[in-house]
Amino acid sequence: MNDQAAPVAQALRLITNRYPHALGAVLGGSAAQGRATPNSDLDVAVLLPDSDTSRREVIRQDGRLAELFLHTLADVPTAFERDRARRRGTVLFIYDQGVSLMDPHGHVSRTQAQARAVLAAGPPALTPTEWERGRYLLTCFMDDLIDIRPADRYEQLSLADFTLREAAHLLTAYHQAWTGIGKWLPRRLLSADPALGKALLDGHRTVAEHSNPAPLTVAAEQVLNLLGGPLREGFTTVGHTSRFGEHGHD
């Protein structure tokens, strides 16, 4: 079997055996793209009749973990809107880019069309308050990364992680693009802005490999310059101050 065929067969067995009443199912993630490793999990979206219950399950099938996103037909619009609000589009992308495992009544193809429409519309724009908070946080992380001693490697690496994540959050939002976490962060970042996204990722690697924060801080400042520049003095927030902690880094 090729790199895609084995996970497809495993996922189909899982649906057939565990959810015989399912109205349809889609395999997404790395497995659907032929990029799965032997330890990759299966990301499967399952459509259920309205008599069932929407939920999320993690099980093991043929020695491989499977993460299941189960939604009744009636709950699909709500699930998509919740996914959109998080700006990551996890379930939306499974339906958009995944491999249909079964679709006896056409529910999967209709749900895929709905997902693609939501993805094409893009994630919600950040509010002015969210933009200001993001600029402030990235400025703080960037300044601390510049200031930290190279000998303080744990602190330096932690600051590099937070700088990359906040810069990616702002840069994808600037381009009205979807963001991601984990392995999907660099993929979404490079898709949104190949040049500046690569500069951020290369800068992060330079911190990890050479204890040199300069390339990452330069790239982070380029992101900030797209949004009006670094934000230090003058930042204010009303309520929820406990979320910010020292220097607003919580």
C-alpha atoms as a PDB file:
ATOM      1  CA  MET A   1       0.000   0.000   0.000  1.00  0.00           C
ATOM      2  CA  ASN A   2       1.111   3.601  -0.550  1.00  0.00           C
ATOM      3  CA  ASP A   3       1.518   6.164   2.248  1.00  0.00           C
ATOM      4  CA  GLN A   4      -2.148   7.164   2.065  1.00  0.00           C
ATOM      5  CA  ALA A   5      -3.807   3.799   1.449  1.00  0.00           C
ATOM      6  CA  ALA A   6      -2.946   2.152   4.783  1.00  0.00           C
ATOM      7  CA  PRO A   7      -4.367   4.956   6.998  1.00  0.00           C
ATOM      8  CA  VAL A   8      -7.453   5.166   4.774  1.00  0.00           C
ATOM      9  CA  ALA A   9      -8.064   1.443   5.199  1.00  0.00           C
ATOM     10  CA  GLN A  10      -7.545   1.674   8.971  1.00  0.00           C
ATOM     11  CA  ALA A  11      -9.914   4.618   9.298  1.00  0.00           C
ATOM     12  CA  LEU A  12     -12.576   2.941   7.197  1.00  0.00           C
ATOM     13  CA  ARG A  13     -12.414  -0.195   9.361  1.00  0.00           C
ATOM     14  CA  LEU A  14     -12.749   1.969  12.450  1.00  0.00           C
ATOM     15  CA  ILE A  15     -15.883   3.713  11.165  1.00  0.00           C
ATOM     16  CA  THR A  16     -17.462   0.508   9.886  1.00  0.00           C
ATOM     17  CA  ASN A  17     -16.883  -1.360  13.151  1.00  0.00           C
ATOM     18  CA  ARG A  18     -17.472   1.359  15.713  1.00  0.00           C
ATOM     19  CA  TYR A  19     -20.033   3.637  14.051  1.00  0.00           C
ATOM     20  CA  PRO A  20     -22.100   1.475  11.694  1.00  0.00           C
ATOM     21  CA  HIS A  21     -24.896   4.072  11.833  1.00  0.00           C
ATOM     22  CA  ALA A  22     -22.619   6.905  10.641  1.00  0.00           C
ATOM     23  CA  LEU A  23     -23.917   8.993   7.741  1.00  0.00           C
ATOM     24  CA  GLY A  24     -20.430   9.680   6.429  1.00  0.00           C
ATOM     25  CA  ALA A  25     -16.799  10.145   7.408  1.00  0.00           C
ATOM     26  CA  VAL A  26     -13.670  11.964   6.260  1.00  0.00           C
ATOM     27  CA  LEU A  27     -10.004  11.246   6.998  1.00  0.00           C
ATOM     28  CA  GLY A  28      -7.962  14.431   7.396  1.00  0.00           C
ATOM     29  CA  GLY A  29      -4.561  15.623   8.587  1.00  0.00           C
ATOM     30  CA  SER A  30      -1.206  14.218   7.562  1.00  0.00           C
ATOM     31  CA  ALA A  31      -2.648  10.770   6.863  1.00  0.00           C
ATOM     32  CA  ALA A  32      -4.928  12.155   4.161  1.00  0.00           C
ATOM     33  CA  GLN A  33      -1.999  13.973   2.551  1.00  0.00           C
ATOM     34  CA  GLY A  34       0.264  10.929   2.428  1.00  0.00           C
ATOM     35  CA  ARG A  35       2.589  12.471   5.034  1.00  0.00           C
ATOM     36  CA  ALA A  36       1.781  10.176   7.945  1.00  0.00           C
ATOM     37  CA  THR A  37       4.533   8.446   9.895  1.00  0.00           C
ATOM     38  CA  PRO A  38       4.013   5.079  11.622  1.00  0.00           C
ATOM     39  CA  ASN A  39       3.210   7.005  14.821  1.00  0.00           C
ATOM     40  CA  SER A  40       0.892   9.607  13.271  1.00  0.00           C
ATOM     41  CA  ASP A  41      -2.641   9.591  14.585  1.00  0.00           C
ATOM     42  CA  LEU A  42      -5.750   9.470  12.433  1.00  0.00           C
ATOM     43  CA  ASP A  43      -7.871  12.633  12.341  1.00  0.00           C
ATOM     44  CA  VAL A  44     -11.373  11.555  11.366  1.00  0.00           C
ATOM     45  CA  ALA A  45     -14.536  13.647  11.104  1.00  0.00           C
ATOM     46  CA  VAL A  46     -17.713  11.590  11.424  1.00  0.00           C
ATOM     47  CA  LEU A  47     -21.253  12.672  10.570  1.00  0.00           C
ATOM     48  CA  LEU A  48     -23.944  11.176  12.789  1.00  0.00           C
ATOM     49  CA  PRO A  49     -27.741  11.188  12.661  1.00  0.00           C
ATOM     50  CA  ASP A  50     -29.434  13.792  14.830  1.00  0.00           C
ATOM     51  CA  SER A  51     -30.540  11.070  17.261  1.00  0.00           C
ATOM     52  CA  ASP A  52     -26.893  10.734  18.353  1.00  0.00           C
ATOM     53  CA  THR A  53     -24.658  13.184  20.257  1.00  0.00           C
ATOM     54  CA  SER A  54     -21.815  15.388  19.048  1.00  0.00           C
ATOM     55  CA  ARG A  55     -18.563  14.698  20.864  1.00  0.00           C
ATOM     56  CA  ARG A  56     -14.843  14.105  20.535  1.00  0.00           C
ATOM     57  CA  GLU A  57     -13.199  10.744  21.144  1.00  0.00           C
ATOM     58  CA  VAL A  58      -9.657   9.396  21.103  1.00  0.00           C
ATOM     59  CA  ILE A  59      -9.302   5.659  20.600  1.00  0.00           C
ATOM     60  CA  ARG A  60      -6.782   3.189  19.218  1.00  0.00           C
ATOM     61  CA  GLN A  61      -7.356   1.327  15.963  1.00  0.00           C
ATOM     62  CA  ASP A  62      -4.951  -1.339  14.680  1.00  0.00           C
ATOM     63  CA  GLY A  63      -2.251   0.024  16.990  1.00  0.00           C
ATOM     64  CA  ARG A  64      -2.704   3.622  15.805  1.00  0.00           C
ATOM     65  CA  LEU A  65      -4.335   6.431  17.786  1.00  0.00           C
ATOM     66  CA  ALA A  66      -7.392   7.980  16.192  1.00  0.00           C
ATOM     67  CA  GLU A  67      -8.855  11.366  17.115  1.00  0.00           C
ATOM     68  CA  LEU A  68     -12.505  11.482  16.161  1.00  0.00           C
ATOM     69  CA  PHE A  69     -14.578  14.624  15.630  1.00  0.00           C
ATOM     70  CA  LEU A  70     -18.177  13.432  15.748  1.00  0.00           C
ATOM     71  CA  HIS A  71     -21.017  15.801  14.863  1.00  0.00           C
ATOM     72  CA  THR A  72     -24.677  15.336  14.182  1.00  0.00           C
ATOM     73  CA  LEU A  73     -25.960  16.936  11.009  1.00  0.00           C
ATOM     74  CA  ALA A  74     -27.852  19.550  13.028  1.00  0.00           C
ATOM     75  CA  ASP A  75     -24.702  20.467  14.995  1.00  0.00           C
ATOM     76  CA  VAL A  76     -22.401  20.946  11.988  1.00  0.00           C
ATOM     77  CA  PRO A  77     -23.070  24.705  11.512  1.00  0.00           C
ATOM     78  CA  THR A  78     -22.404  25.376  15.200  1.00  0.00           C
ATOM     79  CA  ALA A  79     -19.217  23.295  15.105  1.00  0.00           C
ATOM     80  CA  PHE A  80     -17.989  25.189  12.058  1.00  0.00           C
ATOM     81  CA  GLU A  81     -18.708  28.556  13.655  1.00  0.00           C
ATOM     82  CA  ARG A  82     -16.883  27.515  16.828  1.00  0.00           C
ATOM     83  CA  ASP A  83     -13.940  26.389  14.692  1.00  0.00           C
ATOM     84  CA  ARG A  84     -13.950  29.701  12.832  1.00  0.00           C
ATOM     85  CA  ALA A  85     -14.022  31.730  16.055  1.00  0.00           C
ATOM     86  CA  ARG A  86     -10.812  30.001  17.197  1.00  0.00           C
ATOM     87  CA  ARG A  87      -9.202  31.039  13.872  1.00  0.00           C
ATOM     88  CA  ARG A  88      -7.595  27.605  13.478  1.00  0.00           C
ATOM     89  CA  GLY A  89     -10.234  25.803  11.461  1.00  0.00           C
ATOM     90  CA  THR A  90      -9.286  22.303  12.638  1.00  0.00           C
ATOM     91  CA  VAL A  91     -12.503  20.513  11.644  1.00  0.00           C
ATOM     92  CA  LEU A  92     -13.035  22.821   8.688  1.00  0.00           C
ATOM     93  CA  PHE A  93      -9.713  21.761   7.188  1.00  0.00           C
ATOM     94  CA  ILE A  94     -10.465  18.072   7.735  1.00  0.00           C
ATOM     95  CA  TYR A  95     -13.574  18.424   5.580  1.00  0.00           C
ATOM     96  CA  ASP A  96     -11.856  20.688   3.075  1.00  0.00           C
ATOM     97  CA  GLN A  97      -8.652  18.716   2.503  1.00  0.00           C
ATOM     98  CA  GLY A  98      -9.591  15.259   3.731  1.00  0.00           C
ATOM     99  CA  VAL A  99     -10.327  12.002   1.955  1.00  0.00           C
ATOM    100  CA  SER A 100     -13.949  10.908   1.954  1.00  0.00           C
ATOM    101  CA  LEU A 101     -14.190   7.467   3.547  1.00  0.00           C
ATOM    102  CA  MET A 102     -17.902   6.922   3.045  1.00  0.00           C
ATOM    103  CA  ASP A 103     -20.753   9.089   1.796  1.00  0.00           C
ATOM    104  CA  PRO A 104     -23.780   6.932   0.938  1.00  0.00           C
ATOM    105  CA  HIS A 105     -26.311   9.798   1.014  1.00  0.00           C
ATOM    106  CA  GLY A 106     -24.208  12.771  -0.077  1.00  0.00           C
ATOM    107  CA  HIS A 107     -24.026  14.320   3.402  1.00  0.00           C
ATOM    108  CA  VAL A 108     -20.227  14.474   3.337  1.00  0.00           C
ATOM    109  CA  SER A 109     -20.058  16.263  -0.010  1.00  0.00           C
ATOM    110  CA  ARG A 110     -22.596  18.834   1.176  1.00  0.00           C
ATOM    111  CA  THR A 111     -20.724  19.317   4.450  1.00  0.00           C
ATOM    112  CA  GLN A 112     -17.462  19.730   2.539  1.00  0.00           C
ATOM    113  CA  ALA A 113     -19.055  22.459   0.453  1.00  0.00           C
ATOM    114  CA  GLN A 114     -20.164  24.228   3.648  1.00  0.00           C
ATOM    115  CA  ALA A 115     -16.660  23.948   5.108  1.00  0.00           C
ATOM    116  CA  ARG A 116     -15.066  25.360   1.977  1.00  0.00           C
ATOM    117  CA  ALA A 117     -17.413  28.326   2.008  1.00  0.00           C
ATOM    118  CA  VAL A 118     -16.490  29.113   5.620  1.00  0.00           C
ATOM    119  CA  LEU A 119     -12.767  28.734   4.879  1.00  0.00           C
ATOM    120  CA  ALA A 120     -13.026  30.959   1.814  1.00  0.00           C
ATOM    121  CA  ALA A 121     -14.653  33.682   3.929  1.00  0.00           C
ATOM    122  CA  GLY A 122     -11.656  33.553   6.257  1.00  0.00           C
ATOM    123  CA  PRO A 123     -11.338  33.754  10.038  1.00  0.00           C
ATOM    124  CA  PRO A 124     -12.847  36.648  11.992  1.00  0.00           C
ATOM    125  CA  ALA A 125     -10.783  39.820  12.130  1.00  0.00           C
ATOM    126  CA  LEU A 126      -9.128  40.722  15.409  1.00  0.00           C
ATOM    127  CA  THR A 127     -10.795  43.501  17.359  1.00  0.00           C
ATOM    128  CA  PRO A 128      -8.872  46.739  18.037  1.00  0.00           C
ATOM    129  CA  THR A 129      -8.359  45.554  21.620  1.00  0.00           C
ATOM    130  CA  GLU A 130      -6.969  42.213  20.418  1.00  0.00           C
ATOM    131  CA  TRP A 131      -4.602  43.935  17.983  1.00  0.00           C
ATOM    132  CA  GLU A 132      -3.302  46.218  20.734  1.00  0.00           C
ATOM    133  CA  ARG A 133      -2.881  43.372  23.197  1.00  0.00           C
ATOM    134  CA  GLY A 134      -1.053  41.296  20.584  1.00  0.00           C
ATOM    135  CA  ARG A 135       1.310  44.148  19.723  1.00  0.00           C
ATOM    136  CA  TYR A 136       2.042  44.698  23.393  1.00  0.00           C
ATOM    137  CA  LEU A 137       2.699  41.023  24.098  1.00  0.00           C
ATOM    138  CA  LEU A 138       4.960  40.579  21.082  1.00  0.00           C
ATOM    139  CA  THR A 139       6.882  43.722  22.010  1.00  0.00           C
ATOM    140  CA  CYS A 140       7.405  42.405  25.549  1.00  0.00           C
ATOM    141  CA  PHE A 141       8.553  38.982  24.384  1.00  0.00           C
ATOM    142  CA  MET A 142      10.857  40.515  21.791  1.00  0.00           C
ATOM    143  CA  ASP A 143      12.400  42.970  24.280  1.00  0.00           C
ATOM    144  CA  ASP A 144      12.955  40.230  26.850  1.00  0.00           C
ATOM    145  CA  LEU A 145      14.499  37.975  24.213  1.00  0.00           C
ATOM    146  CA  ILE A 146      16.957  40.727  23.288  1.00  0.00           C
ATOM    147  CA  ASP A 147      17.766  41.354  26.941  1.00  0.00           C
ATOM    148  CA  ILE A 148      18.179  37.764  28.164  1.00  0.00           C
ATOM    149  CA  ARG A 149      21.713  36.458  28.593  1.00  0.00           C
ATOM    150  CA  PRO A 150      22.688  33.665  26.176  1.00  0.00           C
ATOM    151  CA  ALA A 151      23.808  31.651  29.216  1.00  0.00           C
ATOM    152  CA  ASP A 152      20.185  31.574  30.421  1.00  0.00           C
ATOM    153  CA  ARG A 153      19.250  29.034  27.791  1.00  0.00           C
ATOM    154  CA  TYR A 154      15.992  27.792  29.292  1.00  0.00           C
ATOM    155  CA  GLU A 155      14.644  31.332  29.512  1.00  0.00           C
ATOM    156  CA  GLN A 156      15.953  32.197  26.055  1.00  0.00           C
ATOM    157  CA  LEU A 157      14.321  29.179  24.426  1.00  0.00           C
ATOM    158  CA  SER A 158      11.026  29.828  26.204  1.00  0.00           C
ATOM    159  CA  LEU A 159      11.018  33.455  25.065  1.00  0.00           C
ATOM    160  CA  ALA A 160      11.834  32.393  21.509  1.00  0.00           C
ATOM    161  CA  ASP A 161       8.807  30.069  21.530  1.00  0.00           C
ATOM    162  CA  PHE A 162       6.463  32.777  22.773  1.00  0.00           C
ATOM    163  CA  THR A 163       7.880  35.333  20.348  1.00  0.00           C
ATOM    164  CA  LEU A 164       7.311  32.998  17.407  1.00  0.00           C
ATOM    165  CA  ARG A 165       3.795  32.087  18.478  1.00  0.00           C
ATOM    166  CA  GLU A 166       2.648  35.658  19.072  1.00  0.00           C
ATOM    167  CA  ALA A 167       4.273  36.865  15.843  1.00  0.00           C
ATOM    168  CA  ALA A 168       2.570  34.040  13.923  1.00  0.00           C
ATOM    169  CA  HIS A 169      -0.773  34.916  15.531  1.00  0.00           C
ATOM    170  CA  LEU A 170      -0.465  38.542  14.434  1.00  0.00           C
ATOM    171  CA  LEU A 171       0.982  37.881  10.992  1.00  0.00           C
ATOM    172  CA  THR A 172      -1.700  35.383  10.007  1.00  0.00           C
ATOM    173  CA  ALA A 173      -4.356  37.772  11.315  1.00  0.00           C
ATOM    174  CA  TYR A 174      -2.794  40.619   9.307  1.00  0.00           C
ATOM    175  CA  HIS A 175      -3.201  38.536   6.147  1.00  0.00           C
ATOM    176  CA  GLN A 176      -6.714  37.442   7.192  1.00  0.00           C
ATOM    177  CA  ALA A 177      -5.373  33.890   7.097  1.00  0.00           C
ATOM    178  CA  TRP A 178      -5.960  30.865   9.293  1.00  0.00           C
ATOM    179  CA  THR A 179      -3.509  30.089  12.061  1.00  0.00           C
ATOM    180  CA  GLY A 180      -2.531  26.832  13.753  1.00  0.00           C
ATOM    181  CA  ILE A 181      -0.763  25.232  16.685  1.00  0.00           C
ATOM    182  CA  GLY A 182       1.863  22.505  16.900  1.00  0.00           C
ATOM    183  CA  LYS A 183       3.060  21.295  13.509  1.00  0.00           C
ATOM    184  CA  TRP A 184       0.307  23.303  11.831  1.00  0.00           C
ATOM    185  CA  LEU A 185       1.738  26.628  13.019  1.00  0.00           C
ATOM    186  CA  PRO A 186       4.669  26.666  10.550  1.00  0.00           C
ATOM    187  CA  ARG A 187       2.465  25.302   7.752  1.00  0.00           C
ATOM    188  CA  ARG A 188      -0.168  28.009   8.195  1.00  0.00           C
ATOM    189  CA  LEU A 189       2.480  30.682   8.733  1.00  0.00           C
ATOM    190  CA  LEU A 190       4.334  29.848   5.522  1.00  0.00           C
ATOM    191  CA  SER A 191       1.064  29.708   3.630  1.00  0.00           C
ATOM    192  CA  ALA A 192       0.042  33.154   4.877  1.00  0.00           C
ATOM    193  CA  ASP A 193       3.389  34.891   4.266  1.00  0.00           C
ATOM    194  CA  PRO A 194       6.155  32.751   2.708  1.00  0.00           C
ATOM    195  CA  ALA A 195       8.901  35.361   3.094  1.00  0.00           C
ATOM    196  CA  LEU A 196       8.286  36.817   6.546  1.00  0.00           C
ATOM    197  CA  GLY A 197       6.947  33.519   7.850  1.00  0.00           C
ATOM    198  CA  LYS A 198      10.192  31.816   6.835  1.00  0.00           C
ATOM    199  CA  ALA A 199      12.203  34.617   8.454  1.00  0.00           C
ATOM    200  CA  LEU A 200      10.396  34.003  11.743  1.00  0.00           C
ATOM    201  CA  LEU A 201      10.889  30.243  11.557  1.00  0.00           C
ATOM    202  CA  ASP A 202      14.546  30.552  10.550  1.00  0.00           C
ATOM    203  CA  GLY A 203      15.070  33.041  13.364  1.00  0.00           C
ATOM    204  CA  HIS A 204      13.540  30.655  15.878  1.00  0.00           C
ATOM    205  CA  ARG A 205      15.846  27.886  14.671  1.00  0.00           C
ATOM    206  CA  THR A 206      18.856  30.189  14.994  1.00  0.00           C
ATOM    207  CA  VAL A 207      18.011  30.769  18.648  1.00  0.00           C
ATOM    208  CA  ALA A 208      17.739  27.014  19.207  1.00  0.00           C
ATOM    209  CA  GLU A 209      20.920  26.104  17.345  1.00  0.00           C
ATOM    210  CA  HIS A 210      23.219  29.070  17.989  1.00  0.00           C
ATOM    211  CA  SER A 211      21.786  31.008  20.965  1.00  0.00           C
ATOM    212  CA  ASN A 212      21.505  34.021  18.658  1.00  0.00           C
ATOM    213  CA  PRO A 213      18.178  35.885  19.005  1.00  0.00           C
ATOM    214  CA  ALA A 214      18.960  38.661  16.506  1.00  0.00           C
ATOM    215  CA  PRO A 215      17.300  37.186  13.367  1.00  0.00           C
ATOM    216  CA  LEU A 216      14.113  36.325  15.259  1.00  0.00           C
ATOM    217  CA  THR A 217      13.841  39.736  16.891  1.00  0.00           C
ATOM    218  CA  VAL A 218      14.426  41.458  13.536  1.00  0.00           C
ATOM    219  CA  ALA A 219      11.636  39.386  11.960  1.00  0.00           C
ATOM    220  CA  ALA A 220       9.335  40.017  14.932  1.00  0.00           C
ATOM    221  CA  GLU A 221       9.895  43.758  14.617  1.00  0.00           C
ATOM    222  CA  GLN A 222       9.026  43.533  10.926  1.00  0.00           C
ATOM    223  CA  VAL A 223       5.707  42.010  11.936  1.00  0.00           C
ATOM    224  CA  LEU A 224       5.150  44.796  14.449  1.00  0.00           C
ATOM    225  CA  ASN A 225       5.973  47.426  11.839  1.00  0.00           C
ATOM    226  CA  LEU A 226       3.118  46.118   9.705  1.00  0.00           C
ATOM    227  CA  LEU A 227       0.792  46.902  12.613  1.00  0.00           C
ATOM    228  CA  GLY A 228       2.028  50.318  13.679  1.00  0.00           C
ATOM    229  CA  GLY A 229       5.284  49.353  15.375  1.00  0.00           C
ATOM    230  CA  PRO A 230       6.212  48.070  18.836  1.00  0.00           C
ATOM    231  CA  LEU A 231       3.857  48.977  21.669  1.00  0.00           C
ATOM    232  CA  ARG A 232       5.346  49.735  25.063  1.00  0.00           C
ATOM    233  CA  GLU A 233       4.287  52.798  27.003  1.00  0.00           C
ATOM    234  CA  GLY A 234       0.683  53.800  26.536  1.00  0.00           C
ATOM    235  CA  PHE A 235      -0.739  50.295  26.581  1.00  0.00           C
ATOM    236  CA  THR A 236      -3.768  49.886  28.812  1.00  0.00           C
ATOM    237  CA  THR A 237      -6.418  47.255  29.440  1.00  0.00           C
ATOM    238  CA  VAL A 238      -9.633  47.241  31.409  1.00  0.00           C
ATOM    239  CA  GLY A 239     -10.555  44.116  33.346  1.00  0.00           C
ATOM    240  CA  HIS A 240      -9.015  40.619  33.190  1.00  0.00           C
ATOM    241  CA  THR A 241      -5.692  42.009  34.424  1.00  0.00           C
ATOM    242  CA  SER A 242      -4.819  38.652  35.982  1.00  0.00           C
ATOM    243  CA  ARG A 243      -4.443  37.219  32.468  1.00  0.00           C
ATOM    244  CA  PHE A 244      -1.465  39.432  31.804  1.00  0.00           C
ATOM    245  CA  GLY A 245       0.690  38.888  34.858  1.00  0.00           C
ATOM    246  CA  GLU A 246       4.191  40.334  34.970  1.00  0.00           C
ATOM    247  CA  HIS A 247       4.900  42.247  31.746  1.00  0.00           C
ATOM    248  CA  GLY A 248       1.601  40.897  30.374  1.00  0.00           C
ATOM    249  CA  HIS A 249       3.135  37.522  29.571  1.00  0.00           C
ATOM    250  CA  ASP A 250       0.597  35.137  31.116  1.00  0.00           C
END
